[in-house]
Amino acid sequence: MEEKYRILNRDAIKYIAVAAMLLNHISTVFMKPGTVLGELFLDIGYFTAITMCYFLVEGSQHTRSKKKYAERLAVFAAVSEIPYCLAFTEEGVIEFYGMNMIFTLLLCFFILLAEERIQSIFLRNMIIAGLIFLSCFSDWAVLAPVFTLLFSWAKGSEEKLKKAFLTAGIVFGLMNLAGGSGRFPATVNILYALASVAGIFFSGIVIICLYNGKRTERGKNFSKWFFYWFYPAHLLLLGLIRIL
């Protein structure tokens, strides 16, 4: 893709991801499953998780301190847990709903550290398998670690990155096809699965074709902390609205 088309910086793409995530969570908390608008909001929101995994891999390469990076993820995973459970509890005020997405990203970050620092192939694979297993108790279970591994494998190669997004879309589509079995008629289920991958493929188009590899020129510090704080703040708001 020509450079003139690479018009989006990292922060602009993250703001798109934030907006998409909000739509997804509004659908999950307030909308009836299976409705056209509800499914549309869900599908748009699938843009976010894979985009977050991509920037996690990129961020882990460029961060000045991996220790501080992990600490930030751990702190905001802890801060976000009550708002996460509050928003997605289906009956009553609050119940444990699993661990939130920032916790999942923390596990993904540990996977990247294991890849980078553990020399023994057997030990490295065992630790990565254990971290993937732990993700089963959190948002985007297994999928986020798989996306992270795909992007780690693809770093530095546009062709590999295209294959990573294609693989991620196929895996996610097949999982939704299996999940929709019995929920929708066969034809509708196929359309449902195809629509579910739109957000993932759109993320691929944005990152491969439009991303210029830069950060915003202004408000870098604001954007950095906005993305961390928006997650628990919007979940807390959704949770309070749900209760009221």
C-alpha atoms as a PDB file:
ATOM      1  CA  MET A   1       0.000   0.000   0.000  1.00  0.00           C
ATOM      2  CA  GLU A   2       1.340   3.447  -0.948  1.00  0.00           C
ATOM      3  CA  GLU A   3       2.437   5.681   1.896  1.00  0.00           C
ATOM      4  CA  LYS A   4      -0.070   8.388   0.940  1.00  0.00           C
ATOM      5  CA  TYR A   5      -2.884   6.078   2.048  1.00  0.00           C
ATOM      6  CA  ARG A   6      -1.353   5.467   5.472  1.00  0.00           C
ATOM      7  CA  ILE A   7      -3.284   8.250   7.144  1.00  0.00           C
ATOM      8  CA  LEU A   8      -4.058   6.760  10.571  1.00  0.00           C
ATOM      9  CA  ASN A   9      -1.689   6.832  13.512  1.00  0.00           C
ATOM     10  CA  ARG A  10      -1.750   4.405  16.434  1.00  0.00           C
ATOM     11  CA  ASP A  11      -3.890   6.630  18.642  1.00  0.00           C
ATOM     12  CA  ALA A  12      -6.490   7.276  15.930  1.00  0.00           C
ATOM     13  CA  ILE A  13      -6.911   3.526  15.446  1.00  0.00           C
ATOM     14  CA  LYS A  14      -7.206   3.032  19.204  1.00  0.00           C
ATOM     15  CA  TYR A  15      -9.978   5.657  19.365  1.00  0.00           C
ATOM     16  CA  ILE A  16     -11.833   3.716  16.654  1.00  0.00           C
ATOM     17  CA  ALA A  17     -11.324   0.570  18.737  1.00  0.00           C
ATOM     18  CA  VAL A  18     -12.684   2.303  21.850  1.00  0.00           C
ATOM     19  CA  ALA A  19     -15.839   3.388  20.004  1.00  0.00           C
ATOM     20  CA  ALA A  20     -16.320  -0.109  18.574  1.00  0.00           C
ATOM     21  CA  MET A  21     -15.871  -1.669  22.011  1.00  0.00           C
ATOM     22  CA  LEU A  22     -18.503   0.652  23.470  1.00  0.00           C
ATOM     23  CA  LEU A  23     -21.039  -0.462  20.850  1.00  0.00           C
ATOM     24  CA  ASN A  24     -20.242  -4.104  21.539  1.00  0.00           C
ATOM     25  CA  HIS A  25     -20.715  -3.685  25.276  1.00  0.00           C
ATOM     26  CA  ILE A  26     -23.937  -1.711  24.857  1.00  0.00           C
ATOM     27  CA  SER A  27     -25.271  -4.590  22.787  1.00  0.00           C
ATOM     28  CA  THR A  28     -24.133  -7.210  25.308  1.00  0.00           C
ATOM     29  CA  VAL A  29     -25.569  -5.414  28.336  1.00  0.00           C
ATOM     30  CA  PHE A  30     -28.781  -3.884  26.989  1.00  0.00           C
ATOM     31  CA  MET A  31     -29.830  -5.384  23.643  1.00  0.00           C
ATOM     32  CA  LYS A  32     -31.737  -8.555  22.937  1.00  0.00           C
ATOM     33  CA  PRO A  33     -29.499 -11.237  21.389  1.00  0.00           C
ATOM     34  CA  GLY A  34     -30.297 -12.094  17.776  1.00  0.00           C
ATOM     35  CA  THR A  35     -31.755  -8.729  16.785  1.00  0.00           C
ATOM     36  CA  VAL A  36     -30.283  -7.064  13.704  1.00  0.00           C
ATOM     37  CA  LEU A  37     -29.071  -3.968  15.556  1.00  0.00           C
ATOM     38  CA  GLY A  38     -27.784  -5.974  18.492  1.00  0.00           C
ATOM     39  CA  GLU A  39     -25.764  -8.291  16.258  1.00  0.00           C
ATOM     40  CA  LEU A  40     -24.503  -5.330  14.214  1.00  0.00           C
ATOM     41  CA  PHE A  41     -23.153  -3.634  17.343  1.00  0.00           C
ATOM     42  CA  LEU A  42     -21.532  -6.905  18.432  1.00  0.00           C
ATOM     43  CA  ASP A  43     -19.887  -7.432  15.053  1.00  0.00           C
ATOM     44  CA  ILE A  44     -18.544  -3.871  14.919  1.00  0.00           C
ATOM     45  CA  GLY A  45     -17.085  -4.395  18.379  1.00  0.00           C
ATOM     46  CA  TYR A  46     -15.073  -7.417  17.277  1.00  0.00           C
ATOM     47  CA  PHE A  47     -12.715  -4.896  15.701  1.00  0.00           C
ATOM     48  CA  THR A  48     -11.376  -4.063  19.150  1.00  0.00           C
ATOM     49  CA  ALA A  49      -9.930  -7.202  20.745  1.00  0.00           C
ATOM     50  CA  ILE A  50      -7.734  -8.168  17.817  1.00  0.00           C
ATOM     51  CA  THR A  51      -6.584  -4.563  17.422  1.00  0.00           C
ATOM     52  CA  MET A  52      -5.633  -4.480  21.107  1.00  0.00           C
ATOM     53  CA  CYS A  53      -3.623  -7.676  20.666  1.00  0.00           C
ATOM     54  CA  TYR A  54      -1.796  -6.213  17.678  1.00  0.00           C
ATOM     55  CA  PHE A  55      -0.819  -3.072  19.576  1.00  0.00           C
ATOM     56  CA  LEU A  56       0.146  -5.161  22.612  1.00  0.00           C
ATOM     57  CA  VAL A  57       2.719  -6.977  20.459  1.00  0.00           C
ATOM     58  CA  GLU A  58       3.905  -3.707  18.964  1.00  0.00           C
ATOM     59  CA  GLY A  59       3.988  -1.989  22.363  1.00  0.00           C
ATOM     60  CA  SER A  60       5.970  -4.805  23.959  1.00  0.00           C
ATOM     61  CA  GLN A  61       8.659  -4.294  21.324  1.00  0.00           C
ATOM     62  CA  HIS A  62       8.943  -0.535  21.816  1.00  0.00           C
ATOM     63  CA  THR A  63       8.279  -0.028  25.525  1.00  0.00           C
ATOM     64  CA  ARG A  64      11.148   1.398  27.562  1.00  0.00           C
ATOM     65  CA  SER A  65      10.332  -0.818  30.528  1.00  0.00           C
ATOM     66  CA  LYS A  66       8.587  -4.163  30.206  1.00  0.00           C
ATOM     67  CA  LYS A  67       8.268  -4.244  33.999  1.00  0.00           C
ATOM     68  CA  LYS A  68       6.304  -0.971  34.065  1.00  0.00           C
ATOM     69  CA  TYR A  69       4.221  -2.117  31.096  1.00  0.00           C
ATOM     70  CA  ALA A  70       3.227  -5.275  32.977  1.00  0.00           C
ATOM     71  CA  GLU A  71       2.565  -3.292  36.149  1.00  0.00           C
ATOM     72  CA  ARG A  72       0.188  -0.934  34.318  1.00  0.00           C
ATOM     73  CA  LEU A  73      -1.718  -3.860  32.860  1.00  0.00           C
ATOM     74  CA  ALA A  74      -1.912  -5.538  36.268  1.00  0.00           C
ATOM     75  CA  VAL A  75      -3.132  -2.374  38.015  1.00  0.00           C
ATOM     76  CA  PHE A  76      -5.839  -1.652  35.453  1.00  0.00           C
ATOM     77  CA  ALA A  77      -6.882  -5.296  35.327  1.00  0.00           C
ATOM     78  CA  ALA A  78      -7.494  -5.048  39.084  1.00  0.00           C
ATOM     79  CA  VAL A  79      -9.250  -1.665  38.781  1.00  0.00           C
ATOM     80  CA  SER A  80     -11.476  -2.971  35.993  1.00  0.00           C
ATOM     81  CA  GLU A  81     -12.634  -6.217  37.565  1.00  0.00           C
ATOM     82  CA  ILE A  82     -15.537  -4.906  39.670  1.00  0.00           C
ATOM     83  CA  PRO A  83     -16.841  -2.622  36.870  1.00  0.00           C
ATOM     84  CA  TYR A  84     -16.529  -5.568  34.449  1.00  0.00           C
ATOM     85  CA  CYS A  85     -18.575  -7.889  36.643  1.00  0.00           C
ATOM     86  CA  LEU A  86     -21.024  -5.085  37.464  1.00  0.00           C
ATOM     87  CA  ALA A  87     -21.696  -4.406  33.772  1.00  0.00           C
ATOM     88  CA  PHE A  88     -22.131  -7.999  32.638  1.00  0.00           C
ATOM     89  CA  THR A  89     -23.950  -9.572  35.582  1.00  0.00           C
ATOM     90  CA  GLU A  90     -27.194 -10.895  34.132  1.00  0.00           C
ATOM     91  CA  GLU A  91     -29.303 -11.042  37.294  1.00  0.00           C
ATOM     92  CA  GLY A  92     -28.968  -9.100  40.521  1.00  0.00           C
ATOM     93  CA  VAL A  93     -26.454  -6.378  41.321  1.00  0.00           C
ATOM     94  CA  ILE A  94     -23.136  -8.159  40.828  1.00  0.00           C
ATOM     95  CA  GLU A  95     -21.702 -11.629  40.503  1.00  0.00           C
ATOM     96  CA  PHE A  96     -18.387 -12.978  39.266  1.00  0.00           C
ATOM     97  CA  TYR A  97     -18.451 -12.928  35.468  1.00  0.00           C
ATOM     98  CA  GLY A  98     -14.864 -13.957  34.815  1.00  0.00           C
ATOM     99  CA  MET A  99     -11.727 -11.874  34.477  1.00  0.00           C
ATOM    100  CA  ASN A 100     -11.721  -8.802  32.266  1.00  0.00           C
ATOM    101  CA  MET A 101      -9.974  -8.115  28.965  1.00  0.00           C
ATOM    102  CA  ILE A 102      -7.047  -6.227  30.484  1.00  0.00           C
ATOM    103  CA  PHE A 103      -6.289  -9.309  32.573  1.00  0.00           C
ATOM    104  CA  THR A 104      -6.323 -11.310  29.338  1.00  0.00           C
ATOM    105  CA  LEU A 105      -3.901  -8.811  27.791  1.00  0.00           C
ATOM    106  CA  LEU A 106      -1.650  -9.217  30.822  1.00  0.00           C
ATOM    107  CA  LEU A 107      -1.563 -12.970  30.179  1.00  0.00           C
ATOM    108  CA  CYS A 108      -0.801 -12.247  26.525  1.00  0.00           C
ATOM    109  CA  PHE A 109       2.048  -9.980  27.588  1.00  0.00           C
ATOM    110  CA  PHE A 110       3.470 -12.792  29.723  1.00  0.00           C
ATOM    111  CA  ILE A 111       3.252 -15.054  26.665  1.00  0.00           C
ATOM    112  CA  LEU A 112       5.377 -12.551  24.738  1.00  0.00           C
ATOM    113  CA  LEU A 113       7.884 -12.431  27.602  1.00  0.00           C
ATOM    114  CA  ALA A 114       8.051 -16.227  27.646  1.00  0.00           C
ATOM    115  CA  GLU A 115       8.714 -16.279  23.904  1.00  0.00           C
ATOM    116  CA  GLU A 116      11.448 -13.701  24.303  1.00  0.00           C
ATOM    117  CA  ARG A 117      13.250 -14.866  27.425  1.00  0.00           C
ATOM    118  CA  ILE A 118      12.838 -18.618  27.942  1.00  0.00           C
ATOM    119  CA  GLN A 119      15.440 -20.553  25.986  1.00  0.00           C
ATOM    120  CA  SER A 120      14.149 -24.070  26.631  1.00  0.00           C
ATOM    121  CA  ILE A 121      11.553 -24.856  23.966  1.00  0.00           C
ATOM    122  CA  PHE A 122       9.803 -27.403  26.197  1.00  0.00           C
ATOM    123  CA  LEU A 123       9.597 -25.061  29.195  1.00  0.00           C
ATOM    124  CA  ARG A 124       8.561 -22.119  27.023  1.00  0.00           C
ATOM    125  CA  ASN A 125       5.756 -24.097  25.395  1.00  0.00           C
ATOM    126  CA  MET A 126       4.564 -25.427  28.755  1.00  0.00           C
ATOM    127  CA  ILE A 127       4.386 -21.918  30.226  1.00  0.00           C
ATOM    128  CA  ILE A 128       2.605 -20.540  27.149  1.00  0.00           C
ATOM    129  CA  ALA A 129       0.116 -23.434  27.300  1.00  0.00           C
ATOM    130  CA  GLY A 130      -0.478 -22.675  30.980  1.00  0.00           C
ATOM    131  CA  LEU A 131      -1.097 -18.992  30.268  1.00  0.00           C
ATOM    132  CA  ILE A 132      -3.518 -19.889  27.484  1.00  0.00           C
ATOM    133  CA  PHE A 133      -5.336 -22.185  29.926  1.00  0.00           C
ATOM    134  CA  LEU A 134      -5.594 -19.346  32.469  1.00  0.00           C
ATOM    135  CA  SER A 135      -7.207 -17.189  29.791  1.00  0.00           C
ATOM    136  CA  CYS A 136     -10.133 -19.633  29.764  1.00  0.00           C
ATOM    137  CA  PHE A 137     -11.389 -17.804  32.842  1.00  0.00           C
ATOM    138  CA  SER A 138     -11.241 -14.347  31.237  1.00  0.00           C
ATOM    139  CA  ASP A 139     -12.673 -12.295  28.371  1.00  0.00           C
ATOM    140  CA  TRP A 140     -11.681 -13.401  24.849  1.00  0.00           C
ATOM    141  CA  ALA A 141     -10.503 -16.702  26.283  1.00  0.00           C
ATOM    142  CA  VAL A 142      -7.903 -18.540  24.155  1.00  0.00           C
ATOM    143  CA  LEU A 143      -8.599 -16.271  21.166  1.00  0.00           C
ATOM    144  CA  ALA A 144      -6.627 -13.268  22.446  1.00  0.00           C
ATOM    145  CA  PRO A 145      -3.534 -15.412  23.197  1.00  0.00           C
ATOM    146  CA  VAL A 146      -3.830 -17.003  19.745  1.00  0.00           C
ATOM    147  CA  PHE A 147      -4.088 -13.566  18.105  1.00  0.00           C
ATOM    148  CA  THR A 148      -1.059 -12.431  20.100  1.00  0.00           C
ATOM    149  CA  LEU A 149       1.005 -15.435  19.017  1.00  0.00           C
ATOM    150  CA  LEU A 150       0.002 -14.864  15.386  1.00  0.00           C
ATOM    151  CA  PHE A 151       1.118 -11.239  15.523  1.00  0.00           C
ATOM    152  CA  SER A 152       4.339 -12.164  17.307  1.00  0.00           C
ATOM    153  CA  TRP A 153       5.073 -14.643  14.521  1.00  0.00           C
ATOM    154  CA  ALA A 154       4.215 -12.050  11.860  1.00  0.00           C
ATOM    155  CA  LYS A 155       6.178  -9.068  13.177  1.00  0.00           C
ATOM    156  CA  GLY A 156       8.326  -7.416  10.531  1.00  0.00           C
ATOM    157  CA  SER A 157       6.565  -9.066   7.584  1.00  0.00           C
ATOM    158  CA  GLU A 158       3.499  -7.654   5.863  1.00  0.00           C
ATOM    159  CA  GLU A 159       2.812 -10.965   4.133  1.00  0.00           C
ATOM    160  CA  LYS A 160       2.870 -12.821   7.440  1.00  0.00           C
ATOM    161  CA  LEU A 161       0.664 -10.125   8.960  1.00  0.00           C
ATOM    162  CA  LYS A 162      -1.921 -10.674   6.216  1.00  0.00           C
ATOM    163  CA  LYS A 163      -1.841 -14.406   6.937  1.00  0.00           C
ATOM    164  CA  ALA A 164      -2.185 -13.709  10.660  1.00  0.00           C
ATOM    165  CA  PHE A 165      -5.362 -11.679  10.167  1.00  0.00           C
ATOM    166  CA  LEU A 166      -6.742 -14.232   7.719  1.00  0.00           C
ATOM    167  CA  THR A 167      -6.062 -17.080  10.153  1.00  0.00           C
ATOM    168  CA  ALA A 168      -7.575 -15.120  13.045  1.00  0.00           C
ATOM    169  CA  GLY A 169     -10.714 -14.401  11.006  1.00  0.00           C
ATOM    170  CA  ILE A 170     -11.126 -18.022   9.974  1.00  0.00           C
ATOM    171  CA  VAL A 171     -10.663 -19.303  13.540  1.00  0.00           C
ATOM    172  CA  PHE A 172     -13.099 -16.746  14.945  1.00  0.00           C
ATOM    173  CA  GLY A 173     -15.640 -17.398  12.188  1.00  0.00           C
ATOM    174  CA  LEU A 174     -15.546 -21.152  12.774  1.00  0.00           C
ATOM    175  CA  MET A 175     -16.002 -20.659  16.511  1.00  0.00           C
ATOM    176  CA  ASN A 176     -19.039 -18.462  15.896  1.00  0.00           C
ATOM    177  CA  LEU A 177     -20.393 -20.967  13.390  1.00  0.00           C
ATOM    178  CA  ALA A 178     -20.157 -23.671  16.045  1.00  0.00           C
ATOM    179  CA  GLY A 179     -21.617 -21.366  18.700  1.00  0.00           C
ATOM    180  CA  GLY A 180     -24.563 -20.412  16.525  1.00  0.00           C
ATOM    181  CA  SER A 181     -25.476 -24.013  15.771  1.00  0.00           C
ATOM    182  CA  GLY A 182     -28.899 -24.644  17.253  1.00  0.00           C
ATOM    183  CA  ARG A 183     -29.324 -20.952  17.973  1.00  0.00           C
ATOM    184  CA  PHE A 184     -30.043 -19.991  14.347  1.00  0.00           C
ATOM    185  CA  PRO A 185     -31.297 -21.865  11.273  1.00  0.00           C
ATOM    186  CA  ALA A 186     -28.401 -23.188   9.140  1.00  0.00           C
ATOM    187  CA  THR A 187     -28.468 -20.406   6.508  1.00  0.00           C
ATOM    188  CA  VAL A 188     -28.812 -17.665   9.101  1.00  0.00           C
ATOM    189  CA  ASN A 189     -26.023 -19.247  11.133  1.00  0.00           C
ATOM    190  CA  ILE A 190     -23.632 -19.092   8.172  1.00  0.00           C
ATOM    191  CA  LEU A 191     -24.478 -15.411   7.636  1.00  0.00           C
ATOM    192  CA  TYR A 192     -24.043 -14.819  11.371  1.00  0.00           C
ATOM    193  CA  ALA A 193     -20.579 -16.411  11.308  1.00  0.00           C
ATOM    194  CA  LEU A 194     -19.546 -14.463   8.204  1.00  0.00           C
ATOM    195  CA  ALA A 195     -20.742 -11.180   9.710  1.00  0.00           C
ATOM    196  CA  SER A 196     -18.846 -11.873  12.931  1.00  0.00           C
ATOM    197  CA  VAL A 197     -15.487 -11.788  11.141  1.00  0.00           C
ATOM    198  CA  ALA A 198     -16.119  -8.379   9.558  1.00  0.00           C
ATOM    199  CA  GLY A 199     -14.608  -6.525  12.519  1.00  0.00           C
ATOM    200  CA  ILE A 200     -11.477  -8.675  12.444  1.00  0.00           C
ATOM    201  CA  PHE A 201     -10.943  -8.239   8.720  1.00  0.00           C
ATOM    202  CA  PHE A 202     -11.639  -4.507   8.996  1.00  0.00           C
ATOM    203  CA  SER A 203      -8.946  -4.333  11.670  1.00  0.00           C
ATOM    204  CA  GLY A 204      -6.601  -6.057   9.241  1.00  0.00           C
ATOM    205  CA  ILE A 205      -7.389  -3.569   6.478  1.00  0.00           C
ATOM    206  CA  VAL A 206      -6.900  -0.598   8.799  1.00  0.00           C
ATOM    207  CA  ILE A 207      -3.601  -1.830  10.234  1.00  0.00           C
ATOM    208  CA  ILE A 208      -2.084  -3.215   7.021  1.00  0.00           C
ATOM    209  CA  CYS A 209      -3.248  -0.496   4.633  1.00  0.00           C
ATOM    210  CA  LEU A 210      -3.900   2.671   6.643  1.00  0.00           C
ATOM    211  CA  TYR A 211      -1.613   2.542   9.694  1.00  0.00           C
ATOM    212  CA  ASN A 212       1.459   4.763   9.403  1.00  0.00           C
ATOM    213  CA  GLY A 213       3.326   3.332  12.400  1.00  0.00           C
ATOM    214  CA  LYS A 214       3.340   6.652  14.255  1.00  0.00           C
ATOM    215  CA  ARG A 215       1.773   8.098  17.385  1.00  0.00           C
ATOM    216  CA  THR A 216      -0.291  11.256  17.516  1.00  0.00           C
ATOM    217  CA  GLU A 217       1.702  14.489  17.503  1.00  0.00           C
ATOM    218  CA  ARG A 218      -0.371  16.096  20.254  1.00  0.00           C
ATOM    219  CA  GLY A 219      -1.713  14.815  23.532  1.00  0.00           C
ATOM    220  CA  LYS A 220       0.381  11.653  23.659  1.00  0.00           C
ATOM    221  CA  ASN A 221       0.198  11.413  27.421  1.00  0.00           C
ATOM    222  CA  PHE A 222      -3.552  12.091  27.456  1.00  0.00           C
ATOM    223  CA  SER A 223      -4.203   9.389  24.869  1.00  0.00           C
ATOM    224  CA  LYS A 224      -2.017   6.886  26.706  1.00  0.00           C
ATOM    225  CA  TRP A 225      -3.956   7.194  29.967  1.00  0.00           C
ATOM    226  CA  PHE A 226      -7.333   7.694  28.294  1.00  0.00           C
ATOM    227  CA  PHE A 227      -7.149   4.231  26.782  1.00  0.00           C
ATOM    228  CA  TYR A 228      -6.367   2.692  30.163  1.00  0.00           C
ATOM    229  CA  TRP A 229      -9.039   4.592  32.100  1.00  0.00           C
ATOM    230  CA  PHE A 230     -11.819   4.384  29.517  1.00  0.00           C
ATOM    231  CA  TYR A 231     -12.140   0.631  29.967  1.00  0.00           C
ATOM    232  CA  PRO A 232     -13.116   0.543  33.665  1.00  0.00           C
ATOM    233  CA  ALA A 233     -14.937   3.902  33.476  1.00  0.00           C
ATOM    234  CA  HIS A 234     -17.328   2.918  30.686  1.00  0.00           C
ATOM    235  CA  LEU A 235     -17.970  -0.490  32.270  1.00  0.00           C
ATOM    236  CA  LEU A 236     -18.789   1.165  35.580  1.00  0.00           C
ATOM    237  CA  LEU A 237     -21.216   3.526  33.833  1.00  0.00           C
ATOM    238  CA  LEU A 238     -22.888   0.688  31.921  1.00  0.00           C
ATOM    239  CA  GLY A 239     -23.144  -1.332  35.128  1.00  0.00           C
ATOM    240  CA  LEU A 240     -24.756   1.521  37.042  1.00  0.00           C
ATOM    241  CA  ILE A 241     -27.238   2.171  34.216  1.00  0.00           C
ATOM    242  CA  ARG A 242     -28.080  -1.538  34.119  1.00  0.00           C
ATOM    243  CA  ILE A 243     -28.845  -1.555  37.847  1.00  0.00           C
ATOM    244  CA  LEU A 244     -30.900   1.629  37.720  1.00  0.00           C
END
